[in-house]
Amino acid sequence: MTPLDPRRVQQLGQIIDLLVETLGEPSCPLRRAIVLNDIWQHPGATLREVMERLNLDKSTAFRDIEWLVDHSCLIKKTNETNKREIDLFVFEKTKMQLEQIYRICGGSPYLTAILQGFIDLAPKRKQSLREAKILISLTLYGKMDKNELAKSLYDGPTTTDQRAIQNLINEGFVEDDA
């Protein structure tokens, strides 16, 4: 197995940090970042189009889009041709943040591949940006105890960090140091 390039791992950390800044929530599922990326690539997309492209059921896609709207990442506009349809667009500030992420990762398809790679590690459960950051920290710094690991994360509740770490322990990605 080829060792990971530490610079590439640091870039992954930067990407996750920028996504947390963009989405405003480290507990955000990685799938929501994929939904946001898809709408950025397809301005004016409808709910149905997002569902089809990303193979999401209606309630999941709707919930993710509503969350992104509520967190000022997306804006809804009534379709001029068909007033019953809603078109989705990325806010200007979010566009600028995504462009910064794309400069690091090489573009939209690479961002989707990176996020999907983390999702595929534990497909039975929604992976969060926080959990991706934990895996990156462990890859970059090696073995860390739970407290050191929590310090490498975002300024969130300790219980949330510990729950994310415990999820990764339960799935065998992290050793339990207790």
Protein backbone atom coordinates (compact mmCIF):
# COMPACT_ATOMS: atom_id res chain seq x y z
CA MET A 1 0.00 0.00 0.00
CA THR A 2 1.35 3.41 -0.97
CA PRO A 3 1.75 5.82 1.96
CA LEU A 4 -0.43 8.90 1.82
CA ASP A 5 1.25 12.15 0.89
CA PRO A 6 1.06 14.37 4.02
CA ARG A 7 0.47 17.45 1.81
CA ARG A 8 -2.57 15.75 0.26
CA VAL A 9 -3.92 14.85 3.71
CA GLN A 10 -3.44 18.48 4.81
CA GLN A 11 -5.37 19.58 1.70
CA LEU A 12 -8.20 17.23 2.67
CA GLY A 13 -8.22 18.86 6.10
CA GLN A 14 -8.39 22.32 4.50
CA ILE A 15 -11.29 21.19 2.30
CA ILE A 16 -13.24 19.86 5.29
CA ASP A 17 -12.48 23.03 7.31
CA LEU A 18 -13.72 25.23 4.44
CA LEU A 19 -16.86 23.12 4.10
CA VAL A 20 -17.52 23.55 7.81
CA GLU A 21 -17.08 27.31 7.37
CA THR A 22 -19.33 27.31 4.30
CA LEU A 23 -22.08 25.18 5.82
CA GLY A 24 -21.67 26.60 9.31
CA GLU A 25 -21.98 23.25 11.07
CA PRO A 26 -19.36 20.52 11.67
CA SER A 27 -22.11 17.97 12.36
CA CYS A 28 -23.49 18.50 8.86
CA PRO A 29 -23.72 15.23 6.91
CA LEU A 30 -21.28 14.94 4.02
CA ARG A 31 -24.25 14.24 1.75
CA ARG A 32 -25.47 17.84 2.22
CA ALA A 33 -22.15 19.12 0.93
CA ILE A 34 -22.64 16.89 -2.13
CA VAL A 35 -26.15 18.33 -2.63
CA LEU A 36 -24.76 21.87 -2.39
CA ASN A 37 -21.99 21.01 -4.84
CA ASP A 38 -24.53 19.55 -7.28
CA ILE A 39 -26.70 22.68 -7.20
CA TRP A 40 -23.62 24.88 -7.69
CA GLN A 41 -22.82 22.83 -10.81
CA HIS A 42 -26.44 23.02 -12.03
CA PRO A 43 -27.77 26.52 -11.26
CA GLY A 44 -31.56 26.63 -11.40
CA ALA A 45 -31.85 22.93 -10.58
CA THR A 46 -35.17 21.65 -9.28
CA LEU A 47 -35.74 19.22 -6.44
CA ARG A 48 -36.54 16.45 -8.92
CA GLU A 49 -33.34 17.05 -10.90
CA VAL A 50 -31.21 16.91 -7.73
CA MET A 51 -32.99 13.71 -6.68
CA GLU A 52 -32.31 12.08 -10.05
CA ARG A 53 -28.68 13.14 -10.35
CA LEU A 54 -27.77 12.13 -6.79
CA ASN A 55 -30.11 9.14 -6.54
CA LEU A 56 -31.83 10.52 -3.42
CA ASP A 57 -35.38 9.89 -2.28
CA LYS A 58 -37.69 12.91 -2.17
CA SER A 59 -37.78 13.35 1.60
CA THR A 60 -33.97 13.19 1.92
CA ALA A 61 -33.38 15.64 -0.93
CA PHE A 62 -36.10 17.98 0.36
CA ARG A 63 -34.74 17.90 3.92
CA ASP A 64 -31.17 18.60 2.71
CA ILE A 65 -32.27 21.44 0.46
CA GLU A 66 -34.41 23.03 3.19
CA TRP A 67 -31.48 22.81 5.59
CA LEU A 68 -29.20 24.48 3.02
CA VAL A 69 -31.79 27.23 2.46
CA ASP A 70 -32.20 27.74 6.22
CA HIS A 71 -28.41 28.02 6.61
CA SER A 72 -28.13 30.67 3.85
CA CYS A 73 -26.32 28.46 1.37
CA LEU A 74 -29.12 28.22 -1.19
CA ILE A 75 -31.89 30.46 -2.41
CA LYS A 76 -35.18 29.34 -3.95
CA LYS A 77 -36.75 31.20 -6.86
CA THR A 78 -40.06 30.52 -8.57
CA ASN A 79 -39.50 29.19 -12.08
CA GLU A 80 -40.53 31.84 -14.62
CA THR A 81 -41.89 29.27 -17.10
CA ASN A 82 -43.66 26.94 -14.69
CA LYS A 83 -44.77 28.80 -11.56
CA ARG A 84 -45.28 25.48 -9.73
CA GLU A 85 -41.56 24.66 -9.88
CA ILE A 86 -38.87 26.10 -7.66
CA ASP A 87 -35.37 26.69 -9.01
CA LEU A 88 -32.39 26.45 -6.67
CA PHE A 89 -29.32 28.66 -6.70
CA VAL A 90 -26.21 29.02 -4.54
CA PHE A 91 -25.81 32.32 -2.68
CA GLU A 92 -22.93 34.51 -3.88
CA LYS A 93 -20.97 34.15 -0.62
CA THR A 94 -21.31 30.36 -0.81
CA LYS A 95 -20.14 30.42 -4.45
CA MET A 96 -16.97 32.23 -3.44
CA GLN A 97 -16.31 29.69 -0.67
CA LEU A 98 -16.91 26.78 -3.05
CA GLU A 99 -14.52 28.32 -5.58
CA GLN A 100 -11.85 28.42 -2.87
CA ILE A 101 -12.51 24.73 -2.12
CA TYR A 102 -12.32 23.88 -5.84
CA ARG A 103 -8.91 25.57 -6.12
CA ILE A 104 -7.61 23.22 -3.44
CA CYS A 105 -9.23 19.99 -4.64
CA GLY A 106 -9.17 20.57 -8.39
CA GLY A 107 -12.87 21.11 -9.10
CA SER A 108 -16.37 19.91 -8.48
CA PRO A 109 -15.99 16.28 -9.59
CA TYR A 110 -13.03 15.88 -7.24
CA LEU A 111 -14.95 17.39 -4.33
CA THR A 112 -17.79 14.94 -4.91
CA ALA A 113 -15.31 12.05 -5.15
CA ILE A 114 -13.60 13.08 -1.91
CA LEU A 115 -16.88 13.37 -0.01
CA GLN A 116 -18.25 10.16 -1.50
CA GLY A 117 -15.06 8.39 -0.47
CA PHE A 118 -15.66 9.33 3.16
CA ILE A 119 -19.32 8.30 2.89
CA ASP A 120 -18.35 4.93 1.41
CA LEU A 121 -16.21 4.17 4.47
CA ALA A 122 -19.38 3.73 6.56
CA PRO A 123 -22.36 3.63 4.18
CA LYS A 124 -24.87 2.43 6.79
CA ARG A 125 -24.77 5.76 8.62
CA LYS A 126 -24.60 9.44 7.76
CA GLN A 127 -20.98 10.54 8.02
CA SER A 128 -20.45 14.12 9.20
CA LEU A 129 -17.83 16.71 8.38
CA ARG A 130 -16.60 16.31 11.98
CA GLU A 131 -16.00 12.59 11.50
CA ALA A 132 -14.10 13.25 8.28
CA LYS A 133 -11.92 15.72 10.20
CA ILE A 134 -11.24 13.07 12.86
CA LEU A 135 -10.07 10.58 10.23
CA ILE A 136 -7.88 13.24 8.60
CA SER A 137 -6.35 14.22 11.97
CA LEU A 138 -5.54 10.61 12.77
CA THR A 139 -4.03 10.08 9.33
CA LEU A 140 -1.93 13.21 9.65
CA TYR A 141 -0.80 12.93 13.28
CA GLY A 142 -1.02 9.21 13.99
CA LYS A 143 -2.25 7.77 17.25
CA MET A 144 -3.97 10.32 19.50
CA ASP A 145 -5.98 9.87 22.66
CA LYS A 146 -9.59 11.05 22.71
CA ASN A 147 -8.76 14.37 24.38
CA GLU A 148 -6.00 15.21 21.89
CA LEU A 149 -8.30 14.24 19.06
CA ALA A 150 -11.15 16.40 20.38
CA LYS A 151 -8.73 19.38 20.59
CA SER A 152 -7.98 19.00 16.86
CA LEU A 153 -11.67 19.47 16.06
CA TYR A 154 -14.04 22.43 15.99
CA ASP A 155 -15.22 24.49 18.95
CA GLY A 156 -18.32 22.44 19.56
CA PRO A 157 -19.81 20.67 22.50
CA THR A 158 -17.48 18.05 23.98
CA THR A 159 -20.30 15.51 23.98
CA THR A 160 -20.75 15.93 20.23
CA ASP A 161 -17.03 15.42 19.61
CA GLN A 162 -16.99 12.39 21.88
CA ARG A 163 -20.04 10.91 20.13
CA ALA A 164 -18.34 11.31 16.74
CA ILE A 165 -15.19 9.67 18.07
CA GLN A 166 -17.26 6.85 19.59
CA ASN A 167 -19.01 6.27 16.24
CA LEU A 168 -15.62 5.78 14.61
CA ILE A 169 -14.48 3.50 17.43
CA ASN A 170 -17.62 1.39 17.00
CA GLU A 171 -16.93 1.09 13.28
CA GLY A 172 -13.31 0.09 13.86
CA PHE A 173 -11.67 3.20 12.39
CA VAL A 174 -10.33 4.42 15.71
CA GLU A 175 -8.85 2.44 18.61
CA ASP A 176 -10.47 2.90 22.01
CA ASP A 177 -7.82 4.25 24.39
CA ALA A 178 -10.05 3.90 27.46
